[in-house]
Protein backbone atom coordinates (compact mmCIF):
# COMPACT_ATOMS: atom_id res chain seq x y z
CA MET A 1 1.45 6.94 -19.33
CA ARG A 2 1.67 4.93 -16.02
CA PRO A 3 1.06 6.24 -12.49
CA PRO A 4 4.31 6.78 -10.70
CA LEU A 5 5.50 4.13 -8.40
CA TRP A 6 4.58 4.50 -4.65
CA PHE A 7 7.39 4.08 -1.98
CA PRO A 8 5.32 4.06 1.26
CA PRO A 9 7.21 4.53 4.65
CA ILE A 10 7.67 1.16 6.35
CA ALA A 11 7.88 2.54 9.80
CA LEU A 12 4.56 3.41 11.44
CA THR A 13 4.05 7.05 12.15
CA GLU A 14 3.22 8.18 15.77
CA LYS A 15 -0.34 8.53 14.70
CA GLU A 16 -0.66 5.16 13.25
CA GLN A 17 0.77 3.69 16.42
CA LYS A 18 -1.90 5.56 18.45
CA VAL A 19 -4.78 4.20 16.23
CA ILE A 20 -3.20 0.76 16.11
CA ALA A 21 -2.95 0.68 20.03
CA ARG A 22 -6.72 1.50 20.10
CA ILE A 23 -7.98 -0.85 17.47
CA ARG A 24 -9.34 -4.28 18.70
CA ARG A 25 -11.16 -5.80 15.89
CA ALA A 26 -9.52 -4.67 12.66
CA LYS A 27 -6.50 -6.71 12.81
CA LEU A 28 -6.51 -7.37 9.14
CA PHE A 29 -6.06 -3.56 8.44
CA ILE A 30 -3.07 -3.38 10.87
CA PHE A 31 -1.56 -6.38 9.11
CA LEU A 32 -1.98 -4.89 5.73
CA ARG A 33 -0.51 -1.55 6.95
CA GLU A 34 2.39 -3.36 8.26
CA VAL A 35 3.24 -5.34 5.26
CA ARG A 36 1.95 -2.81 2.55
CA HIS A 37 5.70 -2.12 1.41
CA GLU A 38 5.91 -5.77 0.67
CA LEU A 39 2.61 -6.25 -0.95
CA PHE A 40 3.08 -3.18 -3.28
CA ASP A 41 6.54 -3.86 -4.35
CA GLU A 42 7.99 -2.40 -7.55
CA GLU A 43 6.96 -5.36 -9.69
CA PHE A 44 3.56 -5.60 -8.73
CA GLN A 45 3.06 -1.79 -8.93
CA ARG A 46 4.30 -1.99 -12.49
CA GLU A 47 1.89 -4.81 -13.24
CA LEU A 48 -0.96 -2.77 -11.80
CA GLY A 49 0.17 0.28 -13.72
CA THR A 50 0.13 -1.84 -17.14
CA ILE A 51 -3.43 -2.98 -16.34
CA PHE A 52 -4.53 0.48 -15.56
CA ALA A 53 -3.02 1.84 -18.71
CA ARG A 54 -4.61 -0.82 -20.83
CA GLN A 55 -8.03 -0.16 -19.32
CA HIS A 56 -7.73 3.57 -20.15
CA GLY A 57 -6.22 3.20 -23.51
CA TRP A 58 -2.85 4.64 -22.79
């Protein structure tokens, strides 16, 4: 059994936009939020799921 694939929204929510407007030092977190859909593409999620399943004996 593998975890289901995650399809995060690409566009920032209104709340996220407000938080980002106030953040000055956490530029890495802003960057990661903006590109998470690229980082966690289907292929990478499947690879993570396989590793997770193997570690848990699934």
